[in-house]
């Protein structure tokens, strides 16, 4: 029987061979079924005691990584795995727009938005600058910066559409934001009294500095309903800033690619046009009143699609390559976490 050879991965890509979509739905079905099954298992595991605090996105990449390193990813699943990493991921990021409204941003107030925006910008710049100084690859440093400063795993995989780092870099960055976000989730609720924060200030601090939405919810509601609700809205406002950050990184990547192409012939970096779809759905959600039950169903579906994308990422992750990166990226993530926690707290005290 004749065999086909997949095209090589593009420079700086995800590490997966170019997706052979020419085979149509039949070619991508095995991989889609595999990533969908892993996402389903991740959702089911959250029903177990003590596991609900972890996002299904984190569980999905853990399961995918375990399968790839213990059993191996079937070759016939390659096309569907690549499809999940590209098309499914972009679709999910667009749908994230339906979880946000302009009204939510207005509820945070000018001071709260200023705290969030300044914290995000300062943390991103600090992380990338420190990463360069301690010798962390630029792509990995940018992924850690995005995951810490914006919204955890979702920001990491969205940023990688323009950073085009390796799968191991993405997995490492997600592991870092998961570890330090979990530390924040358990330690923040112990601090409002010691730091003299009222419910509003604590909610803003949580939303402006903790990595994942689920981690913010878990930490903020520990201080009461008011803190929990405001922390969630503050976090969603921070998520909305994902769009301009990814677009800006896309423009910078395109500029770098034009410079490099004059020397080594490499192609242009992609522009994240799908982010415009994200912005469009935020606008639609701000204008049209979507019933709560419909919004909840869409949010669940969006999380499931993101879990499929991260399952695919895990199925292409080699733990040996992760170990080879050493401790510097972990030290960078720790410093970034310490910076965002202290910087945002200072701004909350001064502005919030």
Protein backbone atom coordinates (compact mmCIF):
# COMPACT_ATOMS: atom_id res chain seq x y z
CA UNK A 1 0.00 0.00 0.00
CA UNK A 2 1.34 3.43 -0.91
CA UNK A 3 2.12 5.83 1.88
CA UNK A 4 2.12 9.60 1.93
CA UNK A 5 4.68 11.83 3.55
CA UNK A 6 3.54 14.91 5.44
CA UNK A 7 5.05 18.23 4.51
CA UNK A 8 7.61 19.59 6.97
CA UNK A 9 6.54 22.03 9.64
CA UNK A 10 7.10 25.69 8.88
CA UNK A 11 9.98 27.42 10.66
CA UNK A 12 8.95 28.46 14.14
CA UNK A 13 5.65 26.62 13.82
CA UNK A 14 3.89 24.33 16.22
CA UNK A 15 6.15 21.39 15.50
CA UNK A 16 3.34 19.56 13.69
CA UNK A 17 3.66 18.78 10.03
CA UNK A 18 1.64 20.96 7.70
CA UNK A 19 -1.96 19.75 8.01
CA UNK A 20 -2.99 17.51 5.12
CA UNK A 21 -6.52 18.91 4.87
CA UNK A 22 -6.74 17.78 1.25
CA UNK A 23 -8.09 14.46 2.50
CA UNK A 24 -11.20 16.25 3.73
CA UNK A 25 -13.33 15.28 6.69
CA UNK A 26 -12.26 11.64 6.51
CA UNK A 27 -8.59 12.54 7.03
CA UNK A 28 -9.16 14.72 10.09
CA UNK A 29 -11.84 12.58 11.77
CA UNK A 30 -9.52 10.25 13.79
CA UNK A 31 -7.58 13.14 15.28
CA UNK A 32 -10.70 15.16 16.03
CA UNK A 33 -12.25 12.15 17.76
CA UNK A 34 -9.09 11.69 19.81
CA UNK A 35 -8.81 15.33 20.91
CA UNK A 36 -12.57 15.46 21.54
CA UNK A 37 -12.38 12.33 23.69
CA UNK A 38 -9.52 13.78 25.73
CA UNK A 39 -11.49 17.02 26.22
CA UNK A 40 -14.48 14.95 27.35
CA UNK A 41 -12.37 13.06 29.87
CA UNK A 42 -10.97 16.38 31.15
CA UNK A 43 -14.50 17.67 31.75
CA UNK A 44 -15.50 14.42 33.46
CA UNK A 45 -12.47 14.47 35.76
CA UNK A 46 -13.56 17.83 37.15
CA UNK A 47 -16.47 16.06 38.83
CA UNK A 48 -14.01 14.30 41.15
CA UNK A 49 -13.39 15.81 44.60
CA UNK A 50 -10.45 18.20 44.61
CA UNK A 51 -10.13 18.30 40.81
CA UNK A 52 -12.80 20.93 40.12
CA UNK A 53 -10.36 23.72 40.97
CA UNK A 54 -8.35 22.86 37.84
CA UNK A 55 -9.44 24.09 34.44
CA UNK A 56 -10.38 21.41 31.87
CA UNK A 57 -7.79 23.11 29.65
CA UNK A 58 -5.04 22.14 32.07
CA UNK A 59 -6.37 18.61 32.48
CA UNK A 60 -6.62 18.19 28.70
CA UNK A 61 -2.99 19.08 28.03
CA UNK A 62 -1.86 16.83 30.90
CA UNK A 63 -3.82 13.88 29.50
CA UNK A 64 -2.59 14.52 25.96
CA UNK A 65 1.02 14.81 27.09
CA UNK A 66 0.76 11.62 29.13
CA UNK A 67 -0.70 9.69 26.19
CA UNK A 68 1.95 10.92 23.78
CA UNK A 69 4.85 10.11 26.07
CA UNK A 70 3.55 6.81 27.43
CA UNK A 71 1.81 5.34 24.38
CA UNK A 72 2.49 7.64 21.44
CA UNK A 73 0.16 9.62 19.20
CA UNK A 74 -1.20 7.47 16.33
CA UNK A 75 0.08 8.59 12.93
CA UNK A 76 -3.42 8.50 11.44
CA UNK A 77 -4.53 11.09 14.01
CA UNK A 78 -1.96 13.65 12.81
CA UNK A 79 -4.25 15.54 10.43
CA UNK A 80 -7.02 15.94 13.01
CA UNK A 81 -4.58 16.92 15.74
CA UNK A 82 -3.15 19.64 13.47
CA UNK A 83 -6.69 20.76 12.63
CA UNK A 84 -7.50 21.05 16.35
CA UNK A 85 -4.38 23.12 16.95
CA UNK A 86 -5.21 25.55 14.16
CA UNK A 87 -8.83 25.79 13.08
CA UNK A 88 -10.52 24.62 16.29
CA UNK A 89 -8.29 26.90 18.38
CA UNK A 90 -9.08 29.97 16.29
CA UNK A 91 -12.80 29.22 16.38
CA UNK A 92 -12.69 28.96 20.17
CA UNK A 93 -10.83 32.25 20.56
CA UNK A 94 -13.42 34.00 18.40
CA UNK A 95 -16.23 32.55 20.53
CA UNK A 96 -14.56 33.89 23.68
CA UNK A 97 -15.90 37.26 22.56
CA UNK A 98 -19.42 36.17 23.50
CA UNK A 99 -18.39 36.02 27.16
CA UNK A 100 -17.62 39.74 27.31
CA UNK A 101 -19.56 42.98 26.99
CA UNK A 102 -18.72 46.66 27.01
CA UNK A 103 -21.08 46.99 29.99
CA UNK A 104 -18.86 44.69 32.05
CA UNK A 105 -15.85 46.87 31.35
CA UNK A 106 -17.85 49.96 32.34
CA UNK A 107 -18.78 48.27 35.63
CA UNK A 108 -15.09 47.98 36.54
CA UNK A 109 -14.74 51.76 36.32
CA UNK A 110 -11.96 53.92 34.93
CA UNK A 111 -9.73 53.30 37.95
CA UNK A 112 -10.18 49.55 37.76
CA UNK A 113 -9.51 49.45 34.02
CA UNK A 114 -6.39 51.55 34.58
CA UNK A 115 -5.15 49.09 37.22
CA UNK A 116 -5.75 46.15 34.89
CA UNK A 117 -4.23 47.74 31.78
CA UNK A 118 -1.15 49.10 33.55
CA UNK A 119 -0.58 45.78 35.33
CA UNK A 120 -0.88 43.84 32.07
CA UNK A 121 1.50 46.11 30.15
CA UNK A 122 4.08 46.34 32.93
CA UNK A 123 4.06 42.57 33.57
CA UNK A 124 4.43 41.73 29.89
CA UNK A 125 7.34 44.11 29.39
CA UNK A 126 9.02 43.02 32.66
CA UNK A 127 8.76 39.33 31.77
CA UNK A 128 10.06 39.65 28.22
CA UNK A 129 12.91 41.95 29.32
CA UNK A 130 13.96 39.68 32.19
CA UNK A 131 13.70 36.65 29.94
CA UNK A 132 16.11 38.21 27.47
CA UNK A 133 18.57 39.06 30.24
CA UNK A 134 18.63 35.58 31.78
CA UNK A 135 18.80 33.77 28.45
CA UNK A 136 15.25 32.45 27.96
CA UNK A 137 14.23 32.10 24.30
CA UNK A 138 12.18 35.07 23.11
CA UNK A 139 9.22 32.92 22.04
CA UNK A 140 8.99 31.12 25.37
CA UNK A 141 9.41 34.38 27.30
CA UNK A 142 6.56 35.94 25.31
CA UNK A 143 4.32 32.95 26.04
CA UNK A 144 5.04 33.12 29.78
CA UNK A 145 4.47 36.89 29.66
CA UNK A 146 1.10 36.48 27.94
CA UNK A 147 -0.07 33.67 30.22
CA UNK A 148 0.86 35.59 33.35
CA UNK A 149 -0.30 39.04 32.32
CA UNK A 150 -3.55 38.20 30.48
CA UNK A 151 -5.44 34.96 31.01
CA UNK A 152 -3.35 31.85 31.52
CA UNK A 153 -3.53 28.94 29.09
CA UNK A 154 -5.93 30.69 26.68
CA UNK A 155 -3.53 33.60 26.29
CA UNK A 156 -0.56 31.26 25.80
CA UNK A 157 -2.15 29.38 22.92
CA UNK A 158 -3.59 32.55 21.36
CA UNK A 159 -0.22 34.29 21.54
CA UNK A 160 1.48 31.30 19.95
CA UNK A 161 -0.50 31.87 16.76
CA UNK A 162 1.89 34.77 16.09
CA UNK A 163 4.90 33.78 18.23
CA UNK A 164 5.02 30.34 16.56
CA UNK A 165 7.06 28.72 19.31
CA UNK A 166 7.47 24.96 19.64
CA UNK A 167 4.87 22.72 21.26
CA UNK A 168 7.26 22.15 24.15
CA UNK A 169 7.51 25.90 24.72
CA UNK A 170 3.72 26.15 24.82
CA UNK A 171 3.44 23.22 27.22
CA UNK A 172 6.17 24.68 29.45
CA UNK A 173 4.47 28.09 29.55
CA UNK A 174 1.10 26.54 30.39
CA UNK A 175 2.70 24.45 33.13
CA UNK A 176 4.25 27.60 34.61
CA UNK A 177 1.05 29.64 34.65
CA UNK A 178 -0.82 26.66 36.07
CA UNK A 179 1.64 26.22 38.95
CA UNK A 180 1.81 29.86 39.95
CA UNK A 181 -1.86 30.53 39.30
CA UNK A 182 -2.69 27.64 41.62
CA UNK A 183 -0.37 29.07 44.27
CA UNK A 184 -2.21 32.38 43.99
CA UNK A 185 -5.58 30.64 44.17
CA UNK A 186 -4.74 29.11 47.55
CA UNK A 187 -2.74 31.98 49.08
CA UNK A 188 -4.73 35.07 48.07
CA UNK A 189 -7.77 34.24 50.27
CA UNK A 190 -5.47 34.34 53.32
CA UNK A 191 -4.37 37.92 52.66
CA UNK A 192 -7.30 40.43 52.55
CA UNK A 193 -7.20 41.04 56.31
CA UNK A 194 -3.42 41.26 56.47
CA UNK A 195 -3.32 43.70 53.54
CA UNK A 196 -6.36 45.71 54.71
CA UNK A 197 -8.32 45.11 51.50
CA UNK A 198 -12.08 45.52 51.36
CA UNK A 199 -14.19 43.23 49.14
CA UNK A 200 -14.00 45.56 46.13
CA UNK A 201 -10.21 46.02 46.34
CA UNK A 202 -9.57 42.31 46.92
CA UNK A 203 -11.77 41.39 43.95
CA UNK A 204 -9.94 43.86 41.72
CA UNK A 205 -6.54 42.60 42.88
CA UNK A 206 -7.54 38.98 42.24
CA UNK A 207 -8.97 39.75 38.81
CA UNK A 208 -5.98 41.86 37.80
CA UNK A 209 -3.26 39.41 38.82
CA UNK A 210 -4.35 35.74 39.06
CA UNK A 211 -3.73 33.78 35.88
CA UNK A 212 -6.82 31.68 34.95
CA UNK A 213 -10.50 32.69 35.13
CA UNK A 214 -11.30 29.58 37.16
CA UNK A 215 -8.51 30.42 39.61
CA UNK A 216 -9.82 33.97 40.00
CA UNK A 217 -13.33 32.72 40.72
CA UNK A 218 -12.06 30.21 43.28
CA UNK A 219 -9.90 32.80 45.07
CA UNK A 220 -12.19 35.83 44.90
CA UNK A 221 -15.37 34.16 46.15
CA UNK A 222 -13.50 33.02 49.25
CA UNK A 223 -13.86 36.62 50.45
CA UNK A 224 -17.59 36.78 49.79
CA UNK A 225 -20.09 37.32 47.00
CA UNK A 226 -19.18 40.95 46.33
CA UNK A 227 -15.47 40.20 46.01
CA UNK A 228 -16.18 37.15 43.86
CA UNK A 229 -18.45 38.94 41.41
CA UNK A 230 -16.18 41.96 41.06
CA UNK A 231 -13.10 39.78 40.71
CA UNK A 232 -14.78 37.82 37.91
CA UNK A 233 -15.78 40.97 36.01
CA UNK A 234 -12.28 42.42 36.46
CA UNK A 235 -10.79 39.22 35.08
CA UNK A 236 -13.12 39.25 32.06
CA UNK A 237 -12.06 42.83 31.40
CA UNK A 238 -8.47 41.64 31.43
CA UNK A 239 -9.36 38.85 28.99
CA UNK A 240 -10.76 41.46 26.60
CA UNK A 241 -7.28 42.93 26.36
CA UNK A 242 -6.07 39.69 24.75
CA UNK A 243 -7.14 41.00 21.33
CA UNK A 244 -4.99 44.14 21.14
CA UNK A 245 -2.00 42.33 22.65
CA UNK A 246 -2.12 39.52 20.07
CA UNK A 247 -2.61 42.00 17.22
CA UNK A 248 0.37 44.07 18.45
CA UNK A 249 2.54 40.95 18.71
CA UNK A 250 1.44 39.96 15.22
CA UNK A 251 2.56 43.32 13.83
CA UNK A 252 5.92 43.02 15.61
CA UNK A 253 6.38 39.46 14.37
CA UNK A 254 5.57 40.53 10.81
CA UNK A 255 8.12 43.35 11.04
CA UNK A 256 10.78 40.94 12.34
CA UNK A 257 9.92 38.46 9.60
CA UNK A 258 10.33 41.12 6.90
CA UNK A 259 13.76 41.94 8.28
CA UNK A 260 14.77 38.27 8.46
CA UNK A 261 13.44 37.50 4.97
CA UNK A 262 15.98 39.90 3.48
CA UNK A 263 18.73 37.75 4.98
CA UNK A 264 17.50 34.16 5.07
CA UNK A 265 14.45 34.05 2.81
CA UNK A 266 11.98 33.09 5.53
CA UNK A 267 8.32 33.83 4.95
CA UNK A 268 6.16 36.43 6.62
CA UNK A 269 4.73 35.92 10.10
CA UNK A 270 0.95 35.43 10.10
CA UNK A 271 -1.41 38.19 11.15
CA UNK A 272 -4.02 37.02 13.70
CA UNK A 273 -7.07 38.10 11.70
CA UNK A 274 -9.27 35.77 13.73
CA UNK A 275 -8.85 38.20 16.66
CA UNK A 276 -11.03 40.62 14.70
CA UNK A 277 -13.77 38.00 14.98
CA UNK A 278 -13.26 38.02 18.74
CA UNK A 279 -13.73 41.82 18.79
CA UNK A 280 -16.79 41.57 16.55
CA UNK A 281 -18.49 39.08 18.89
CA UNK A 282 -17.75 41.30 21.89
CA UNK A 283 -19.58 44.08 20.01
CA UNK A 284 -22.48 41.77 19.13
CA UNK A 285 -22.75 40.59 22.74
CA UNK A 286 -22.78 44.21 23.89
CA UNK A 287 -25.64 45.14 21.57
CA UNK A 288 -27.82 42.02 21.56
CA UNK A 289 -29.15 40.56 24.80
CA UNK A 290 -28.15 36.89 24.76
CA UNK A 291 -30.27 34.75 27.14
CA UNK A 292 -28.21 33.54 30.13
CA UNK A 293 -28.83 29.87 29.35
CA UNK A 294 -27.63 30.35 25.76
CA UNK A 295 -24.57 32.25 26.96
CA UNK A 296 -23.77 29.49 29.44
CA UNK A 297 -24.05 26.83 26.73
CA UNK A 298 -21.77 28.82 24.41
CA UNK A 299 -19.24 29.32 27.23
CA UNK A 300 -19.17 25.57 27.89
CA UNK A 301 -18.77 24.83 24.19
CA UNK A 302 -15.97 27.37 23.89
CA UNK A 303 -14.11 25.82 26.81
CA UNK A 304 -14.55 22.39 25.23
CA UNK A 305 -13.02 23.60 21.95
CA UNK A 306 -10.10 25.14 23.82
CA UNK A 307 -9.65 21.86 25.69
CA UNK A 308 -9.50 20.04 22.32
CA UNK A 309 -6.78 22.43 21.15
CA UNK A 310 -4.76 21.86 24.32
CA UNK A 311 -5.27 18.11 24.07
CA UNK A 312 -3.75 18.35 20.59
CA UNK A 313 -0.88 20.37 22.01
CA UNK A 314 -0.25 17.66 24.60
CA UNK A 315 -0.32 14.97 21.91
CA UNK A 316 2.64 16.72 20.26
CA UNK A 317 4.61 17.46 23.44
CA UNK A 318 7.81 15.61 24.26
CA UNK A 319 8.65 15.60 27.99
CA UNK A 320 12.32 15.02 27.22
CA UNK A 321 12.44 18.33 25.37
CA UNK A 322 10.67 20.03 28.26
CA UNK A 323 13.36 18.84 30.69
CA UNK A 324 16.06 20.07 28.34
CA UNK A 325 14.87 23.67 28.78
CA UNK A 326 16.18 23.72 32.34
CA UNK A 327 15.10 25.89 35.25
CA UNK A 328 15.52 29.37 33.76
CA UNK A 329 12.02 29.59 32.28
CA UNK A 330 10.57 28.41 35.60
CA UNK A 331 12.54 31.11 37.41
CA UNK A 332 11.22 33.64 34.89
CA UNK A 333 7.63 32.55 35.53
CA UNK A 334 8.18 32.82 39.30
CA UNK A 335 9.58 36.33 38.96
CA UNK A 336 6.72 37.29 36.66
CA UNK A 337 4.17 36.00 39.18
CA UNK A 338 5.82 37.93 42.01
CA UNK A 339 5.88 41.06 39.87
CA UNK A 340 2.22 40.95 38.81
CA UNK A 341 1.07 40.27 42.39
CA UNK A 342 3.03 43.14 43.93
CA UNK A 343 2.63 45.64 41.09
CA UNK A 344 -1.15 45.18 40.87
CA UNK A 345 -1.52 45.36 44.65
CA UNK A 346 0.38 48.64 44.69
CA UNK A 347 -1.90 50.06 41.99
CA UNK A 348 -5.03 48.85 43.79
CA UNK A 349 -3.86 50.70 46.89
CA UNK A 350 -3.05 53.85 44.91
CA UNK A 351 -5.82 53.91 42.26
CA UNK A 352 -8.39 51.16 42.80
